[in-house]
mmCIF file of all heavy atoms, coordinates in Angstrom:
data_MODEL
# 
_entry.id   MODEL 
# 
loop_
_atom_site.group_PDB 
_atom_site.id 
_atom_site.type_symbol 
_atom_site.label_atom_id 
_atom_site.label_alt_id 
_atom_site.label_comp_id 
_atom_site.label_asym_id 
_atom_site.label_entity_id 
_atom_site.label_seq_id 
_atom_site.pdbx_PDB_ins_code 
_atom_site.Cartn_x 
_atom_site.Cartn_y 
_atom_site.Cartn_z 
_atom_site.occupancy 
_atom_site.B_iso_or_equiv 
_atom_site.pdbx_formal_charge 
_atom_site.auth_seq_id 
_atom_site.auth_comp_id 
_atom_site.auth_asym_id 
_atom_site.auth_atom_id 
_atom_site.pdbx_PDB_model_num 
ATOM 1   N N   . ASN A 1 1  ? -0.845  -4.166  -5.031  1.00 0.00 ? 1  ASN A N   1 
ATOM 2   C CA  . ASN A 1 1  ? 0.287   -3.884  -4.163  1.00 0.00 ? 1  ASN A CA  1 
ATOM 3   C C   . ASN A 1 1  ? 1.264   -2.906  -4.807  1.00 0.00 ? 1  ASN A C   1 
ATOM 4   O O   . ASN A 1 1  ? 1.757   -1.971  -4.165  1.00 0.00 ? 1  ASN A O   1 
ATOM 5   C CB  . ASN A 1 1  ? 1.000   -5.187  -3.809  1.00 0.00 ? 1  ASN A CB  1 
ATOM 6   C CG  . ASN A 1 1  ? 2.143   -4.983  -2.840  1.00 0.00 ? 1  ASN A CG  1 
ATOM 7   O OD1 . ASN A 1 1  ? 3.312   -5.031  -3.202  1.00 0.00 ? 1  ASN A OD1 1 
ATOM 8   N ND2 . ASN A 1 1  ? 1.807   -4.738  -1.573  1.00 0.00 ? 1  ASN A ND2 1 
ATOM 9   N N   . GLU A 1 2  ? 1.518   -3.086  -6.086  1.00 0.00 ? 2  GLU A N   1 
ATOM 10  C CA  . GLU A 1 2  ? 2.421   -2.182  -6.811  1.00 0.00 ? 2  GLU A CA  1 
ATOM 11  C C   . GLU A 1 2  ? 1.844   -0.767  -6.861  1.00 0.00 ? 2  GLU A C   1 
ATOM 12  O O   . GLU A 1 2  ? 2.566   0.220   -6.686  1.00 0.00 ? 2  GLU A O   1 
ATOM 13  C CB  . GLU A 1 2  ? 2.648   -2.710  -8.224  1.00 0.00 ? 2  GLU A CB  1 
ATOM 14  C CG  . GLU A 1 2  ? 3.424   -4.024  -8.280  1.00 0.00 ? 2  GLU A CG  1 
ATOM 15  C CD  . GLU A 1 2  ? 3.424   -4.637  -9.664  1.00 0.00 ? 2  GLU A CD  1 
ATOM 16  O OE1 . GLU A 1 2  ? 2.717   -4.101  -10.554 1.00 0.00 ? 2  GLU A OE1 1 
ATOM 17  O OE2 . GLU A 1 2  ? 4.113   -5.655  -9.864  1.00 0.00 ? 2  GLU A OE2 1 
ATOM 18  N N   . ALA A 1 3  ? 0.528   -0.660  -7.074  1.00 0.00 ? 3  ALA A N   1 
ATOM 19  C CA  . ALA A 1 3  ? -0.097  0.658   -7.150  1.00 0.00 ? 3  ALA A CA  1 
ATOM 20  C C   . ALA A 1 3  ? -0.164  1.333   -5.783  1.00 0.00 ? 3  ALA A C   1 
ATOM 21  O O   . ALA A 1 3  ? 0.029   2.549   -5.671  1.00 0.00 ? 3  ALA A O   1 
ATOM 22  C CB  . ALA A 1 3  ? -1.495  0.534   -7.755  1.00 0.00 ? 3  ALA A CB  1 
ATOM 23  N N   . TYR A 1 4  ? -0.428  0.548   -4.713  1.00 0.00 ? 4  TYR A N   1 
ATOM 24  C CA  . TYR A 1 4  ? -0.399  1.124   -3.364  1.00 0.00 ? 4  TYR A CA  1 
ATOM 25  C C   . TYR A 1 4  ? 1.000   1.657   -3.046  1.00 0.00 ? 4  TYR A C   1 
ATOM 26  O O   . TYR A 1 4  ? 1.153   2.722   -2.442  1.00 0.00 ? 4  TYR A O   1 
ATOM 27  C CB  . TYR A 1 4  ? -0.797  0.080   -2.326  1.00 0.00 ? 4  TYR A CB  1 
ATOM 28  C CG  . TYR A 1 4  ? -2.276  -0.200  -2.248  1.00 0.00 ? 4  TYR A CG  1 
ATOM 29  C CD1 . TYR A 1 4  ? -2.764  -1.502  -2.372  1.00 0.00 ? 4  TYR A CD1 1 
ATOM 30  C CD2 . TYR A 1 4  ? -3.196  0.831   -2.025  1.00 0.00 ? 4  TYR A CD2 1 
ATOM 31  C CE1 . TYR A 1 4  ? -4.129  -1.772  -2.296  1.00 0.00 ? 4  TYR A CE1 1 
ATOM 32  C CE2 . TYR A 1 4  ? -4.559  0.568   -1.951  1.00 0.00 ? 4  TYR A CE2 1 
ATOM 33  C CZ  . TYR A 1 4  ? -5.014  -0.735  -2.095  1.00 0.00 ? 4  TYR A CZ  1 
ATOM 34  O OH  . TYR A 1 4  ? -6.364  -0.998  -2.020  1.00 0.00 ? 4  TYR A OH  1 
ATOM 35  N N   . ARG A 1 5  ? 2.016   0.911   -3.436  1.00 0.00 ? 5  ARG A N   1 
ATOM 36  C CA  . ARG A 1 5  ? 3.392   1.358   -3.188  1.00 0.00 ? 5  ARG A CA  1 
ATOM 37  C C   . ARG A 1 5  ? 3.671   2.672   -3.912  1.00 0.00 ? 5  ARG A C   1 
ATOM 38  O O   . ARG A 1 5  ? 4.285   3.587   -3.349  1.00 0.00 ? 5  ARG A O   1 
ATOM 39  C CB  . ARG A 1 5  ? 4.385   0.280   -3.636  1.00 0.00 ? 5  ARG A CB  1 
ATOM 40  C CG  . ARG A 1 5  ? 5.853   0.646   -3.328  1.00 0.00 ? 5  ARG A CG  1 
ATOM 41  C CD  . ARG A 1 5  ? 6.781   -0.506  -3.641  1.00 0.00 ? 5  ARG A CD  1 
ATOM 42  N NE  . ARG A 1 5  ? 6.723   -0.864  -5.042  1.00 0.00 ? 5  ARG A NE  1 
ATOM 43  C CZ  . ARG A 1 5  ? 6.691   -2.128  -5.479  1.00 0.00 ? 5  ARG A CZ  1 
ATOM 44  N NH1 . ARG A 1 5  ? 6.645   -3.133  -4.628  1.00 0.00 ? 5  ARG A NH1 1 
ATOM 45  N NH2 . ARG A 1 5  ? 6.660   -2.380  -6.773  1.00 0.00 ? 5  ARG A NH2 1 
ATOM 46  N N   . SER A 1 6  ? 3.213   2.783   -5.144  1.00 0.00 ? 6  SER A N   1 
ATOM 47  C CA  . SER A 1 6  ? 3.396   4.027   -5.901  1.00 0.00 ? 6  SER A CA  1 
ATOM 48  C C   . SER A 1 6  ? 2.643   5.173   -5.246  1.00 0.00 ? 6  SER A C   1 
ATOM 49  O O   . SER A 1 6  ? 3.144   6.301   -5.160  1.00 0.00 ? 6  SER A O   1 
ATOM 50  C CB  . SER A 1 6  ? 2.908   3.836   -7.343  1.00 0.00 ? 6  SER A CB  1 
ATOM 51  O OG  . SER A 1 6  ? 3.700   2.882   -8.018  1.00 0.00 ? 6  SER A OG  1 
ATOM 52  N N   . SER A 1 7  ? 1.440   4.896   -4.758  1.00 0.00 ? 7  SER A N   1 
ATOM 53  C CA  . SER A 1 7  ? 0.661   5.928   -4.088  1.00 0.00 ? 7  SER A CA  1 
ATOM 54  C C   . SER A 1 7  ? 1.360   6.440   -2.839  1.00 0.00 ? 7  SER A C   1 
ATOM 55  O O   . SER A 1 7  ? 1.392   7.643   -2.570  1.00 0.00 ? 7  SER A O   1 
ATOM 56  C CB  . SER A 1 7  ? -0.727  5.387   -3.720  1.00 0.00 ? 7  SER A CB  1 
ATOM 57  O OG  . SER A 1 7  ? -1.476  6.339   -3.007  1.00 0.00 ? 7  SER A OG  1 
ATOM 58  N N   . LEU A 1 8  ? 1.960   5.517   -2.086  1.00 0.00 ? 8  LEU A N   1 
ATOM 59  C CA  . LEU A 1 8  ? 2.620   5.889   -0.829  1.00 0.00 ? 8  LEU A CA  1 
ATOM 60  C C   . LEU A 1 8  ? 3.885   6.719   -1.063  1.00 0.00 ? 8  LEU A C   1 
ATOM 61  O O   . LEU A 1 8  ? 4.328   7.430   -0.163  1.00 0.00 ? 8  LEU A O   1 
ATOM 62  C CB  . LEU A 1 8  ? 2.937   4.641   -0.013  1.00 0.00 ? 8  LEU A CB  1 
ATOM 63  C CG  . LEU A 1 8  ? 1.706   3.957   0.601   1.00 0.00 ? 8  LEU A CG  1 
ATOM 64  C CD1 . LEU A 1 8  ? 2.078   2.584   1.160   1.00 0.00 ? 8  LEU A CD1 1 
ATOM 65  C CD2 . LEU A 1 8  ? 1.093   4.834   1.689   1.00 0.00 ? 8  LEU A CD2 1 
ATOM 66  N N   . ARG A 1 9  ? 4.445   6.647   -2.251  1.00 0.00 ? 9  ARG A N   1 
ATOM 67  C CA  . ARG A 1 9  ? 5.588   7.519   -2.565  1.00 0.00 ? 9  ARG A CA  1 
ATOM 68  C C   . ARG A 1 9  ? 5.162   8.985   -2.521  1.00 0.00 ? 9  ARG A C   1 
ATOM 69  O O   . ARG A 1 9  ? 5.944   9.861   -2.170  1.00 0.00 ? 9  ARG A O   1 
ATOM 70  C CB  . ARG A 1 9  ? 6.141   7.194   -3.962  1.00 0.00 ? 9  ARG A CB  1 
ATOM 71  C CG  . ARG A 1 9  ? 6.922   5.912   -4.053  1.00 0.00 ? 9  ARG A CG  1 
ATOM 72  C CD  . ARG A 1 9  ? 7.928   5.957   -5.200  1.00 0.00 ? 9  ARG A CD  1 
ATOM 73  N NE  . ARG A 1 9  ? 7.322   6.379   -6.452  1.00 0.00 ? 9  ARG A NE  1 
ATOM 74  C CZ  . ARG A 1 9  ? 6.846   5.549   -7.382  1.00 0.00 ? 9  ARG A CZ  1 
ATOM 75  N NH1 . ARG A 1 9  ? 6.889   4.238   -7.165  1.00 0.00 ? 9  ARG A NH1 1 
ATOM 76  N NH2 . ARG A 1 9  ? 6.311   5.993   -8.498  1.00 0.00 ? 9  ARG A NH2 1 
ATOM 77  N N   . TYR A 1 10 ? 3.920   9.233   -2.920  1.00 0.00 ? 10 TYR A N   1 
ATOM 78  C CA  . TYR A 1 10 ? 3.399   10.589  -2.950  1.00 0.00 ? 10 TYR A CA  1 
ATOM 79  C C   . TYR A 1 10 ? 2.621   10.942  -1.681  1.00 0.00 ? 10 TYR A C   1 
ATOM 80  O O   . TYR A 1 10 ? 2.516   12.116  -1.315  1.00 0.00 ? 10 TYR A O   1 
ATOM 81  C CB  . TYR A 1 10 ? 2.478   10.771  -4.164  1.00 0.00 ? 10 TYR A CB  1 
ATOM 82  C CG  . TYR A 1 10 ? 3.178   10.586  -5.487  1.00 0.00 ? 10 TYR A CG  1 
ATOM 83  C CD1 . TYR A 1 10 ? 2.981   9.438   -6.248  1.00 0.00 ? 10 TYR A CD1 1 
ATOM 84  C CD2 . TYR A 1 10 ? 4.040   11.558  -5.978  1.00 0.00 ? 10 TYR A CD2 1 
ATOM 85  C CE1 . TYR A 1 10 ? 3.611   9.270   -7.476  1.00 0.00 ? 10 TYR A CE1 1 
ATOM 86  C CE2 . TYR A 1 10 ? 4.683   11.405  -7.198  1.00 0.00 ? 10 TYR A CE2 1 
ATOM 87  C CZ  . TYR A 1 10 ? 4.469   10.253  -7.938  1.00 0.00 ? 10 TYR A CZ  1 
ATOM 88  O OH  . TYR A 1 10 ? 5.108   10.096  -9.142  1.00 0.00 ? 10 TYR A OH  1 
ATOM 89  N N   . ARG A 1 11 ? 2.027   9.927   -1.040  1.00 0.00 ? 11 ARG A N   1 
ATOM 90  C CA  . ARG A 1 11 ? 1.213   10.158  0.168   1.00 0.00 ? 11 ARG A CA  1 
ATOM 91  C C   . ARG A 1 11 ? 1.672   9.195   1.259   1.00 0.00 ? 11 ARG A C   1 
ATOM 92  O O   . ARG A 1 11 ? 0.947   8.258   1.625   1.00 0.00 ? 11 ARG A O   1 
ATOM 93  C CB  . ARG A 1 11 ? -0.269  9.939   -0.160  1.00 0.00 ? 11 ARG A CB  1 
ATOM 94  C CG  . ARG A 1 11 ? -0.797  10.788  -1.300  1.00 0.00 ? 11 ARG A CG  1 
ATOM 95  C CD  . ARG A 1 11 ? -2.212  10.360  -1.668  1.00 0.00 ? 11 ARG A CD  1 
ATOM 96  N NE  . ARG A 1 11 ? -3.193  10.773  -0.683  1.00 0.00 ? 11 ARG A NE  1 
ATOM 97  C CZ  . ARG A 1 11 ? -4.404  10.227  -0.571  1.00 0.00 ? 11 ARG A CZ  1 
ATOM 98  N NH1 . ARG A 1 11 ? -4.760  9.219   -1.339  1.00 0.00 ? 11 ARG A NH1 1 
ATOM 99  N NH2 . ARG A 1 11 ? -5.248  10.657  0.339   1.00 0.00 ? 11 ARG A NH2 1 
ATOM 100 N N   . PRO A 1 12 ? 2.879   9.392   1.791   1.00 0.00 ? 12 PRO A N   1 
ATOM 101 C CA  . PRO A 1 12 ? 3.441   8.424   2.749   1.00 0.00 ? 12 PRO A CA  1 
ATOM 102 C C   . PRO A 1 12 ? 2.656   8.317   4.052   1.00 0.00 ? 12 PRO A C   1 
ATOM 103 O O   . PRO A 1 12 ? 2.767   7.317   4.767   1.00 0.00 ? 12 PRO A O   1 
ATOM 104 C CB  . PRO A 1 12 ? 4.855   8.954   2.997   1.00 0.00 ? 12 PRO A CB  1 
ATOM 105 C CG  . PRO A 1 12 ? 4.794   10.410  2.638   1.00 0.00 ? 12 PRO A CG  1 
ATOM 106 C CD  . PRO A 1 12 ? 3.822   10.498  1.506   1.00 0.00 ? 12 PRO A CD  1 
ATOM 107 N N   . GLY A 1 13 ? 1.864   9.330   4.394   1.00 0.00 ? 13 GLY A N   1 
ATOM 108 C CA  . GLY A 1 13 ? 1.124   9.290   5.641   1.00 0.00 ? 13 GLY A CA  1 
ATOM 109 C C   . GLY A 1 13 ? -0.287  8.745   5.511   1.00 0.00 ? 13 GLY A C   1 
ATOM 110 O O   . GLY A 1 13 ? -1.066  8.811   6.477   1.00 0.00 ? 13 GLY A O   1 
ATOM 111 N N   . ASN A 1 14 ? -0.646  8.204   4.366   1.00 0.00 ? 14 ASN A N   1 
ATOM 112 C CA  . ASN A 1 14 ? -1.995  7.691   4.147   1.00 0.00 ? 14 ASN A CA  1 
ATOM 113 C C   . ASN A 1 14 ? -2.166  6.356   4.880   1.00 0.00 ? 14 ASN A C   1 
ATOM 114 O O   . ASN A 1 14 ? -1.692  5.306   4.424   1.00 0.00 ? 14 ASN A O   1 
ATOM 115 C CB  . ASN A 1 14 ? -2.246  7.516   2.650   1.00 0.00 ? 14 ASN A CB  1 
ATOM 116 C CG  . ASN A 1 14 ? -3.647  7.026   2.334   1.00 0.00 ? 14 ASN A CG  1 
ATOM 117 O OD1 . ASN A 1 14 ? -4.473  6.870   3.230   1.00 0.00 ? 14 ASN A OD1 1 
ATOM 118 N ND2 . ASN A 1 14 ? -3.905  6.771   1.059   1.00 0.00 ? 14 ASN A ND2 1 
ATOM 119 N N   . ALA A 1 15 ? -2.851  6.397   6.035   1.00 0.00 ? 15 ALA A N   1 
ATOM 120 C CA  . ALA A 1 15 ? -2.977  5.201   6.875   1.00 0.00 ? 15 ALA A CA  1 
ATOM 121 C C   . ALA A 1 15 ? -3.677  4.061   6.145   1.00 0.00 ? 15 ALA A C   1 
ATOM 122 O O   . ALA A 1 15 ? -3.257  2.892   6.239   1.00 0.00 ? 15 ALA A O   1 
ATOM 123 C CB  . ALA A 1 15 ? -3.729  5.550   8.157   1.00 0.00 ? 15 ALA A CB  1 
ATOM 124 N N   . LYS A 1 16 ? -4.736  4.387   5.406   1.00 0.00 ? 16 LYS A N   1 
ATOM 125 C CA  . LYS A 1 16 ? -5.448  3.340   4.680   1.00 0.00 ? 16 LYS A CA  1 
ATOM 126 C C   . LYS A 1 16 ? -4.561  2.739   3.598   1.00 0.00 ? 16 LYS A C   1 
ATOM 127 O O   . LYS A 1 16 ? -4.567  1.519   3.375   1.00 0.00 ? 16 LYS A O   1 
ATOM 128 C CB  . LYS A 1 16 ? -6.724  3.897   4.051   1.00 0.00 ? 16 LYS A CB  1 
ATOM 129 C CG  . LYS A 1 16 ? -7.573  2.825   3.377   1.00 0.00 ? 16 LYS A CG  1 
ATOM 130 C CD  . LYS A 1 16 ? -8.885  3.396   2.842   1.00 0.00 ? 16 LYS A CD  1 
ATOM 131 C CE  . LYS A 1 16 ? -9.722  2.310   2.176   1.00 0.00 ? 16 LYS A CE  1 
ATOM 132 N NZ  . LYS A 1 16 ? -11.005 2.857   1.639   1.00 0.00 ? 16 LYS A NZ  1 
ATOM 133 N N   . GLY A 1 17 ? -3.764  3.592   2.951   1.00 0.00 ? 17 GLY A N   1 
ATOM 134 C CA  . GLY A 1 17 ? -2.849  3.109   1.923   1.00 0.00 ? 17 GLY A CA  1 
ATOM 135 C C   . GLY A 1 17 ? -1.800  2.170   2.501   1.00 0.00 ? 17 GLY A C   1 
ATOM 136 O O   . GLY A 1 17 ? -1.456  1.157   1.875   1.00 0.00 ? 17 GLY A O   1 
ATOM 137 N N   . ILE A 1 18 ? -1.293  2.497   3.689   1.00 0.00 ? 18 ILE A N   1 
ATOM 138 C CA  . ILE A 1 18 ? -0.288  1.640   4.335   1.00 0.00 ? 18 ILE A CA  1 
ATOM 139 C C   . ILE A 1 18 ? -0.902  0.281   4.664   1.00 0.00 ? 18 ILE A C   1 
ATOM 140 O O   . ILE A 1 18 ? -0.311  -0.780  4.382   1.00 0.00 ? 18 ILE A O   1 
ATOM 141 C CB  . ILE A 1 18 ? 0.250   2.317   5.613   1.00 0.00 ? 18 ILE A CB  1 
ATOM 142 C CG1 . ILE A 1 18 ? 1.028   3.588   5.240   1.00 0.00 ? 18 ILE A CG1 1 
ATOM 143 C CG2 . ILE A 1 18 ? 1.136   1.355   6.409   1.00 0.00 ? 18 ILE A CG2 1 
ATOM 144 C CD1 . ILE A 1 18 ? 1.387   4.455   6.436   1.00 0.00 ? 18 ILE A CD1 1 
ATOM 145 N N   . TYR A 1 19 ? -2.108  0.314   5.263   1.00 0.00 ? 19 TYR A N   1 
ATOM 146 C CA  . TYR A 1 19 ? -2.777  -0.938  5.627   1.00 0.00 ? 19 TYR A CA  1 
ATOM 147 C C   . TYR A 1 19 ? -3.042  -1.798  4.389   1.00 0.00 ? 19 TYR A C   1 
ATOM 148 O O   . TYR A 1 19 ? -2.751  -3.001  4.368   1.00 0.00 ? 19 TYR A O   1 
ATOM 149 C CB  . TYR A 1 19 ? -4.094  -0.638  6.345   1.00 0.00 ? 19 TYR A CB  1 
ATOM 150 C CG  . TYR A 1 19 ? -4.961  -1.850  6.519   1.00 0.00 ? 19 TYR A CG  1 
ATOM 151 C CD1 . TYR A 1 19 ? -4.690  -2.791  7.515   1.00 0.00 ? 19 TYR A CD1 1 
ATOM 152 C CD2 . TYR A 1 19 ? -6.051  -2.069  5.672   1.00 0.00 ? 19 TYR A CD2 1 
ATOM 153 C CE1 . TYR A 1 19 ? -5.479  -3.915  7.662   1.00 0.00 ? 19 TYR A CE1 1 
ATOM 154 C CE2 . TYR A 1 19 ? -6.846  -3.189  5.813   1.00 0.00 ? 19 TYR A CE2 1 
ATOM 155 C CZ  . TYR A 1 19 ? -6.551  -4.113  6.805   1.00 0.00 ? 19 TYR A CZ  1 
ATOM 156 O OH  . TYR A 1 19 ? -7.327  -5.232  6.941   1.00 0.00 ? 19 TYR A OH  1 
ATOM 157 N N   . LYS A 1 20 ? -3.580  -1.172  3.323   1.00 0.00 ? 20 LYS A N   1 
ATOM 158 C CA  . LYS A 1 20 ? -3.924  -1.929  2.128   1.00 0.00 ? 20 LYS A CA  1 
ATOM 159 C C   . LYS A 1 20 ? -2.672  -2.414  1.390   1.00 0.00 ? 20 LYS A C   1 
ATOM 160 O O   . LYS A 1 20 ? -2.705  -3.441  0.711   1.00 0.00 ? 20 LYS A O   1 
ATOM 161 C CB  . LYS A 1 20 ? -4.800  -1.082  1.198   1.00 0.00 ? 20 LYS A CB  1 
ATOM 162 C CG  . LYS A 1 20 ? -6.156  -0.711  1.777   1.00 0.00 ? 20 LYS A CG  1 
ATOM 163 C CD  . LYS A 1 20 ? -7.058  -1.914  1.976   1.00 0.00 ? 20 LYS A CD  1 
ATOM 164 C CE  . LYS A 1 20 ? -7.710  -2.388  0.710   1.00 0.00 ? 20 LYS A CE  1 
ATOM 165 N NZ  . LYS A 1 20 ? -8.762  -1.492  0.223   1.00 0.00 ? 20 LYS A NZ  1 
ATOM 166 N N   . TYR A 1 21 ? -1.572  -1.679  1.513   1.00 0.00 ? 21 TYR A N   1 
ATOM 167 C CA  . TYR A 1 21 ? -0.308  -2.126  0.906   1.00 0.00 ? 21 TYR A CA  1 
ATOM 168 C C   . TYR A 1 21 ? 0.099   -3.477  1.488   1.00 0.00 ? 21 TYR A C   1 
ATOM 169 O O   . TYR A 1 21 ? 0.414   -4.419  0.756   1.00 0.00 ? 21 TYR A O   1 
ATOM 170 C CB  . TYR A 1 21 ? 0.780   -1.079  1.141   1.00 0.00 ? 21 TYR A CB  1 
ATOM 171 C CG  . TYR A 1 21 ? 2.179   -1.589  0.817   1.00 0.00 ? 21 TYR A CG  1 
ATOM 172 C CD1 . TYR A 1 21 ? 2.585   -1.709  -0.504  1.00 0.00 ? 21 TYR A CD1 1 
ATOM 173 C CD2 . TYR A 1 21 ? 3.057   -1.947  1.818   1.00 0.00 ? 21 TYR A CD2 1 
ATOM 174 C CE1 . TYR A 1 21 ? 3.859   -2.177  -0.816  1.00 0.00 ? 21 TYR A CE1 1 
ATOM 175 C CE2 . TYR A 1 21 ? 4.319   -2.419  1.527   1.00 0.00 ? 21 TYR A CE2 1 
ATOM 176 C CZ  . TYR A 1 21 ? 4.715   -2.544  0.212   1.00 0.00 ? 21 TYR A CZ  1 
ATOM 177 O OH  . TYR A 1 21 ? 5.976   -3.008  -0.095  1.00 0.00 ? 21 TYR A OH  1 
ATOM 178 N N   . PHE A 1 22 ? 0.079   -3.577  2.819   1.00 0.00 ? 22 PHE A N   1 
ATOM 179 C CA  . PHE A 1 22 ? 0.478   -4.833  3.453   1.00 0.00 ? 22 PHE A CA  1 
ATOM 180 C C   . PHE A 1 22 ? -0.582  -5.918  3.249   1.00 0.00 ? 22 PHE A C   1 
ATOM 181 O O   . PHE A 1 22 ? -0.246  -7.096  3.045   1.00 0.00 ? 22 PHE A O   1 
ATOM 182 C CB  . PHE A 1 22 ? 0.751   -4.613  4.944   1.00 0.00 ? 22 PHE A CB  1 
ATOM 183 C CG  . PHE A 1 22 ? 2.035   -3.885  5.205   1.00 0.00 ? 22 PHE A CG  1 
ATOM 184 C CD1 . PHE A 1 22 ? 2.041   -2.572  5.637   1.00 0.00 ? 22 PHE A CD1 1 
ATOM 185 C CD2 . PHE A 1 22 ? 3.266   -4.522  5.012   1.00 0.00 ? 22 PHE A CD2 1 
ATOM 186 C CE1 . PHE A 1 22 ? 3.240   -1.897  5.881   1.00 0.00 ? 22 PHE A CE1 1 
ATOM 187 C CE2 . PHE A 1 22 ? 4.463   -3.858  5.234   1.00 0.00 ? 22 PHE A CE2 1 
ATOM 188 C CZ  . PHE A 1 22 ? 4.445   -2.546  5.678   1.00 0.00 ? 22 PHE A CZ  1 
ATOM 189 N N   . ALA A 1 23 ? -1.866  -5.527  3.258   1.00 0.00 ? 23 ALA A N   1 
ATOM 190 C CA  . ALA A 1 23 ? -2.919  -6.516  3.049   1.00 0.00 ? 23 ALA A CA  1 
ATOM 191 C C   . ALA A 1 23 ? -2.851  -7.113  1.645   1.00 0.00 ? 23 ALA A C   1 
ATOM 192 O O   . ALA A 1 23 ? -2.972  -8.335  1.476   1.00 0.00 ? 23 ALA A O   1 
ATOM 193 C CB  . ALA A 1 23 ? -4.282  -5.854  3.261   1.00 0.00 ? 23 ALA A CB  1 
ATOM 194 N N   . SER A 1 24 ? -2.603  -6.270  0.659   1.00 0.00 ? 24 SER A N   1 
ATOM 195 C CA  . SER A 1 24 ? -2.509  -6.769  -0.721  1.00 0.00 ? 24 SER A CA  1 
ATOM 196 C C   . SER A 1 24 ? -1.250  -7.624  -0.905  1.00 0.00 ? 24 SER A C   1 
ATOM 197 O O   . SER A 1 24 ? -1.256  -8.579  -1.681  1.00 0.00 ? 24 SER A O   1 
ATOM 198 C CB  . SER A 1 24 ? -2.511  -5.600  -1.704  1.00 0.00 ? 24 SER A CB  1 
ATOM 199 O OG  . SER A 1 24 ? -1.423  -4.724  -1.484  1.00 0.00 ? 24 SER A OG  1 
ATOM 200 N N   . LYS A 1 25 ? -0.194  -7.272  -0.185  1.00 0.00 ? 25 LYS A N   1 
ATOM 201 C CA  . LYS A 1 25 ? 1.044   -8.053  -0.260  1.00 0.00 ? 25 LYS A CA  1 
ATOM 202 C C   . LYS A 1 25 ? 0.819   -9.461  0.252   1.00 0.00 ? 25 LYS A C   1 
ATOM 203 O O   . LYS A 1 25 ? 1.260   -10.456 -0.357  1.00 0.00 ? 25 LYS A O   1 
ATOM 204 C CB  . LYS A 1 25 ? 2.150   -7.358  0.531   1.00 0.00 ? 25 LYS A CB  1 
ATOM 205 C CG  . LYS A 1 25 ? 3.542   -7.904  0.290   1.00 0.00 ? 25 LYS A CG  1 
ATOM 206 C CD  . LYS A 1 25 ? 4.588   -7.026  0.980   1.00 0.00 ? 25 LYS A CD  1 
ATOM 207 C CE  . LYS A 1 25 ? 5.989   -7.496  0.637   1.00 0.00 ? 25 LYS A CE  1 
ATOM 208 N NZ  . LYS A 1 25 ? 7.013   -6.609  1.254   1.00 0.00 ? 25 LYS A NZ  1 
ATOM 209 N N   . LEU A 1 26 ? 0.089   -9.584  1.360   1.00 0.00 ? 26 LEU A N   1 
ATOM 210 C CA  . LEU A 1 26 ? -0.212  -10.899 1.928   1.00 0.00 ? 26 LEU A CA  1 
ATOM 211 C C   . LEU A 1 26 ? -1.123  -11.697 0.999   1.00 0.00 ? 26 LEU A C   1 
ATOM 212 O O   . LEU A 1 26 ? -0.916  -12.905 0.772   1.00 0.00 ? 26 LEU A O   1 
ATOM 213 C CB  . LEU A 1 26 ? -0.880  -10.733 3.292   1.00 0.00 ? 26 LEU A CB  1 
ATOM 214 C CG  . LEU A 1 26 ? 0.023   -10.265 4.441   1.00 0.00 ? 26 LEU A CG  1 
ATOM 215 C CD1 . LEU A 1 26 ? -0.815  -9.964  5.680   1.00 0.00 ? 26 LEU A CD1 1 
ATOM 216 C CD2 . LEU A 1 26 ? 1.085   -11.313 4.748   1.00 0.00 ? 26 LEU A CD2 1 
ATOM 217 N N   . LYS A 1 27 ? -2.135  -11.042 0.439   1.00 0.00 ? 27 LYS A N   1 
ATOM 218 C CA  . LYS A 1 27 ? -3.063  -11.723 -0.458  1.00 0.00 ? 27 LYS A CA  1 
ATOM 219 C C   . LYS A 1 27 ? -2.369  -12.145 -1.750  1.00 0.00 ? 27 LYS A C   1 
ATOM 220 O O   . LYS A 1 27 ? -2.691  -13.201 -2.318  1.00 0.00 ? 27 LYS A O   1 
ATOM 221 C CB  . LYS A 1 27 ? -4.255  -10.819 -0.764  1.00 0.00 ? 27 LYS A CB  1 
ATOM 222 C CG  . LYS A 1 27 ? -5.220  -10.656 0.406   1.00 0.00 ? 27 LYS A CG  1 
ATOM 223 C CD  . LYS A 1 27 ? -6.396  -9.776  0.041   1.00 0.00 ? 27 LYS A CD  1 
ATOM 224 C CE  . LYS A 1 27 ? -7.406  -9.674  1.178   1.00 0.00 ? 27 LYS A CE  1 
ATOM 225 N NZ  . LYS A 1 27 ? -8.116  -10.937 1.412   1.00 0.00 ? 27 LYS A NZ  1 
ATOM 226 N N   . ALA A 1 28 ? -1.416  -11.355 -2.210  1.00 0.00 ? 28 ALA A N   1 
ATOM 227 C CA  . ALA A 1 28 ? -0.690  -11.701 -3.436  1.00 0.00 ? 28 ALA A CA  1 
ATOM 228 C C   . ALA A 1 28 ? 0.149   -12.956 -3.244  1.00 0.00 ? 28 ALA A C   1 
ATOM 229 O O   . ALA A 1 28 ? 0.374   -13.727 -4.201  1.00 0.00 ? 28 ALA A O   1 
ATOM 230 C CB  . ALA A 1 28 ? 0.200   -10.541 -3.875  1.00 0.00 ? 28 ALA A CB  1 
ATOM 231 N N   . ARG A 1 29 ? 0.602   -13.200 -2.005  1.00 0.00 ? 29 ARG A N   1 
ATOM 232 C CA  . ARG A 1 29 ? 1.391   -14.394 -1.729  1.00 0.00 ? 29 ARG A CA  1 
ATOM 233 C C   . ARG A 1 29 ? 0.515   -15.642 -1.632  1.00 0.00 ? 29 ARG A C   1 
ATOM 234 O O   . ARG A 1 29 ? 1.027   -16.760 -1.623  1.00 0.00 ? 29 ARG A O   1 
ATOM 235 C CB  . ARG A 1 29 ? 2.165   -14.203 -0.401  1.00 0.00 ? 29 ARG A CB  1 
ATOM 236 C CG  . ARG A 1 29 ? 3.301   -13.192 -0.515  1.00 0.00 ? 29 ARG A CG  1 
ATOM 237 C CD  . ARG A 1 29 ? 3.921   -12.947 0.855   1.00 0.00 ? 29 ARG A CD  1 
ATOM 238 N NE  . ARG A 1 29 ? 5.062   -12.023 0.760   1.00 0.00 ? 29 ARG A NE  1 
ATOM 239 C CZ  . ARG A 1 29 ? 5.704   -11.543 1.816   1.00 0.00 ? 29 ARG A CZ  1 
ATOM 240 N NH1 . ARG A 1 29 ? 5.288   -11.888 3.043   1.00 0.00 ? 29 ARG A NH1 1 
ATOM 241 N NH2 . ARG A 1 29 ? 6.717   -10.708 1.671   1.00 0.00 ? 29 ARG A NH2 1 
# 
């Protein structure tokens, strides 16, 4: 989740990155 967030700082329009950011956040909980 931390790495996806860092990636999105540079590639904010990456749809797969956005999806995986939220998916990893849910799994981390």
